[in-house]
Amino acid sequence: MNEADLPPPLYRQERLEVANGHLRRVVIAVLIVMLAGFALLGIQFRQLNARIDQLATKVNGIEATFGVKFDETSANLATTNTKLDALSGRFAAEFKSLGAEIKAMEAQMTTSTNAIAKSIAALRAGPLPAPTSLQPSPAPVQPSSTPTSKPASTPLQPPKTRP
């Protein structure tokens, strides 16, 4: 670079002073905004603390008013808990007796099943009975007193199926 291309030294110094002044203003503005924000947060925390104190006072008043009721409720819960414990003991005993009854019923069913199986096996081992027809036997025809020339009844034809 040539010295001829550079601006005069005083001109550069003035520009630096102007830039420095702008930077100071920006820094001061940022500091003012930060201080205002911290002040606002401080006010909000004080209001929040006051509200918490009010709520704590109300809760203490509620405890004093309902303390007796809370004690009664916890006593009721304790009696209910003992009743439930007694019921659970009864249920356990009842389930044990039911289990014994079920086992006895299973044993009885097993012996009945074995007896049926033995009787079936005995029937199979012996001679087979003659097969019986499941269709009813035809009724005997009674002779009529007057002779008629009607043809004998024809057996019913099964219904025709469509192709």
Foldseek 3Di string as FASTA:
>chain_A
DDPVPDDDPVVVVVVVVVVVVVVVVVVVVVVVVVVVVVVVVVVVVVVVVVVVVVVVVVVVVCCVVCVVVVVVVVVVVVVVVVVVVVVVVVVVVVVVVVVVVVVVVVVVVVVVVVVVVVVVVVQVVDDDDDDDDPDDDDDDDDDDPDDDDDDDDDDDDPDDDDD
